[in-house]
N, C-alpha and C. Protein backbone atom coordinates (compact mmCIF):
# COMPACT_ATOMS: atom_id res chain seq x y z
N MET A 1 -24.93 6.31 9.23
CA MET A 1 -23.75 6.77 9.56
C MET A 1 -23.67 8.24 9.08
N LYS A 2 -23.37 9.16 9.93
CA LYS A 2 -23.24 10.64 9.55
C LYS A 2 -21.77 10.91 9.34
N LEU A 3 -21.42 11.05 8.06
CA LEU A 3 -20.06 11.43 7.73
C LEU A 3 -20.15 12.34 6.46
N ALA A 4 -19.59 13.50 6.64
CA ALA A 4 -19.73 14.49 5.46
C ALA A 4 -18.78 13.99 4.35
N GLU A 5 -19.00 14.28 3.11
CA GLU A 5 -18.27 13.80 2.01
C GLU A 5 -16.75 14.34 2.13
N GLY A 6 -16.56 15.55 2.65
CA GLY A 6 -15.28 16.13 2.86
C GLY A 6 -14.50 15.36 3.88
N ASP A 7 -15.15 14.98 4.97
CA ASP A 7 -14.57 14.13 5.96
C ASP A 7 -14.10 12.75 5.44
N TRP A 8 -14.97 12.15 4.51
CA TRP A 8 -14.70 10.89 4.03
C TRP A 8 -13.41 10.96 3.10
N TYR A 9 -13.29 12.07 2.32
CA TYR A 9 -12.14 12.18 1.51
C TYR A 9 -10.89 12.46 2.40
N ARG A 10 -10.92 13.08 3.50
CA ARG A 10 -9.85 13.20 4.48
C ARG A 10 -9.38 11.87 4.99
N VAL A 11 -10.45 11.07 5.41
CA VAL A 11 -9.95 9.76 5.92
C VAL A 11 -9.37 8.91 4.97
N LEU A 12 -9.95 8.95 3.69
CA LEU A 12 -9.30 8.27 2.49
C LEU A 12 -8.03 8.65 2.30
N ALA A 13 -7.75 9.94 2.17
CA ALA A 13 -6.45 10.51 1.83
C ALA A 13 -5.37 10.12 2.97
N ILE A 14 -5.79 10.19 4.24
CA ILE A 14 -4.84 9.75 5.37
C ILE A 14 -4.49 8.28 5.28
N ASN A 15 -5.42 7.43 5.02
CA ASN A 15 -5.18 6.05 4.90
C ASN A 15 -4.39 5.66 3.81
N LEU A 16 -4.76 6.12 2.63
CA LEU A 16 -3.97 5.81 1.31
C LEU A 16 -2.52 6.29 1.42
N THR A 17 -2.39 7.63 1.91
CA THR A 17 -1.10 8.13 2.01
C THR A 17 -0.23 7.37 2.90
N GLY A 18 -0.71 6.94 4.06
CA GLY A 18 0.08 6.11 4.99
C GLY A 18 0.58 4.90 4.43
N VAL A 19 -0.26 4.20 3.61
CA VAL A 19 0.14 2.99 2.99
C VAL A 19 1.19 3.31 1.86
N PHE A 20 0.93 4.34 1.15
CA PHE A 20 1.75 4.67 0.12
C PHE A 20 3.27 5.09 0.60
N LEU A 21 3.21 5.86 1.71
CA LEU A 21 4.54 6.16 2.31
C LEU A 21 5.31 4.99 2.79
N ALA A 22 4.57 4.18 3.44
CA ALA A 22 5.20 2.92 3.99
C ALA A 22 5.76 2.00 2.89
N CYS A 23 4.99 1.76 1.80
CA CYS A 23 5.50 0.98 0.63
C CYS A 23 6.73 1.70 -0.03
N ARG A 24 6.61 2.87 -0.06
CA ARG A 24 7.84 3.63 -0.79
C ARG A 24 8.97 3.42 0.05
N VAL A 25 8.92 3.62 1.32
CA VAL A 25 10.20 3.44 2.20
C VAL A 25 10.61 1.92 2.12
N ALA A 26 9.67 1.03 2.27
CA ALA A 26 10.11 -0.39 2.10
C ALA A 26 10.70 -0.78 0.85
N GLY A 27 10.07 -0.29 -0.23
CA GLY A 27 10.62 -0.55 -1.59
C GLY A 27 11.97 0.03 -1.92
N ARG A 28 12.20 1.37 -1.32
CA ARG A 28 13.49 1.89 -1.43
C ARG A 28 14.68 1.02 -0.70
N ARG A 29 14.30 0.59 0.37
CA ARG A 29 15.18 -0.25 1.24
C ARG A 29 15.45 -1.59 0.51
N LYS A 30 14.41 -2.15 -0.02
CA LYS A 30 14.55 -3.44 -0.79
C LYS A 30 15.43 -3.21 -1.98
N VAL A 31 15.30 -2.10 -2.76
CA VAL A 31 16.18 -1.83 -3.89
C VAL A 31 17.54 -1.66 -3.36
N ALA A 32 17.79 -0.88 -2.41
CA ALA A 32 19.08 -0.72 -1.78
C ALA A 32 19.86 -2.04 -1.44
N ARG A 33 19.00 -3.02 -0.86
CA ARG A 33 19.61 -4.23 -0.51
C ARG A 33 19.58 -5.29 -1.57
N ARG A 34 19.11 -4.86 -2.80
CA ARG A 34 18.90 -5.79 -3.92
C ARG A 34 18.06 -6.95 -3.55
N MET A 35 16.96 -6.77 -2.79
CA MET A 35 15.99 -7.74 -2.39
C MET A 35 14.67 -7.68 -3.15
N VAL A 36 14.81 -6.99 -4.38
CA VAL A 36 13.58 -6.88 -5.20
C VAL A 36 13.33 -8.16 -5.86
N THR A 37 12.09 -8.55 -5.96
CA THR A 37 11.77 -9.83 -6.63
C THR A 37 10.63 -9.55 -7.65
N ASP A 38 10.35 -10.39 -8.62
CA ASP A 38 9.35 -10.19 -9.54
C ASP A 38 7.98 -10.36 -9.01
N TYR A 39 7.72 -10.86 -7.89
CA TYR A 39 6.40 -11.02 -7.43
C TYR A 39 5.85 -9.77 -6.63
N GLY A 40 6.64 -8.99 -6.35
CA GLY A 40 6.35 -7.65 -5.74
C GLY A 40 5.93 -7.67 -4.31
N MET A 41 5.71 -6.55 -3.74
CA MET A 41 5.46 -6.37 -2.28
C MET A 41 4.05 -6.87 -1.95
N SER A 42 3.12 -6.91 -2.83
CA SER A 42 1.78 -7.39 -2.47
C SER A 42 1.71 -8.76 -1.90
N LYS A 43 2.61 -9.68 -2.40
CA LYS A 43 2.66 -11.01 -1.91
C LYS A 43 3.11 -10.94 -0.43
N GLU A 44 4.07 -10.15 -0.07
CA GLU A 44 4.46 -10.09 1.28
C GLU A 44 3.40 -9.57 2.19
N LEU A 45 2.58 -8.65 1.69
CA LEU A 45 1.62 -8.17 2.50
C LEU A 45 0.23 -8.88 2.57
N GLY A 46 0.36 -10.03 1.92
CA GLY A 46 -0.89 -11.03 1.97
C GLY A 46 -1.97 -10.65 1.00
N LEU A 47 -1.70 -9.83 0.01
CA LEU A 47 -2.66 -9.28 -0.98
C LEU A 47 -2.63 -10.14 -2.20
N SER A 48 -3.75 -10.31 -2.78
CA SER A 48 -3.77 -11.10 -4.08
C SER A 48 -4.87 -10.58 -4.80
N VAL A 49 -4.84 -10.89 -6.15
CA VAL A 49 -5.91 -10.42 -7.09
C VAL A 49 -6.80 -11.55 -7.13
N PRO A 50 -8.13 -11.42 -6.86
CA PRO A 50 -9.04 -12.49 -7.08
C PRO A 50 -8.97 -13.16 -8.40
N GLY A 51 -8.81 -14.54 -8.44
CA GLY A 51 -8.70 -15.23 -9.61
C GLY A 51 -7.29 -15.51 -10.07
N ASN A 52 -6.34 -14.86 -9.35
CA ASN A 52 -4.90 -14.90 -9.67
C ASN A 52 -4.13 -15.39 -8.44
N GLU A 53 -4.64 -16.35 -7.67
CA GLU A 53 -4.12 -16.72 -6.48
C GLU A 53 -3.02 -17.82 -6.49
């Protein structure tokens, strides 16, 4: 695969920024609606820490 390092960092930045912005908006809405729980947003997104399932 031919991908310059600079291009890789651009793809990574775009993908991470998109997730960050979406989580920030969702988090603010949850706080405003008092829907915040102690298990966090990762559970809703289907993410888990290996060994902590």
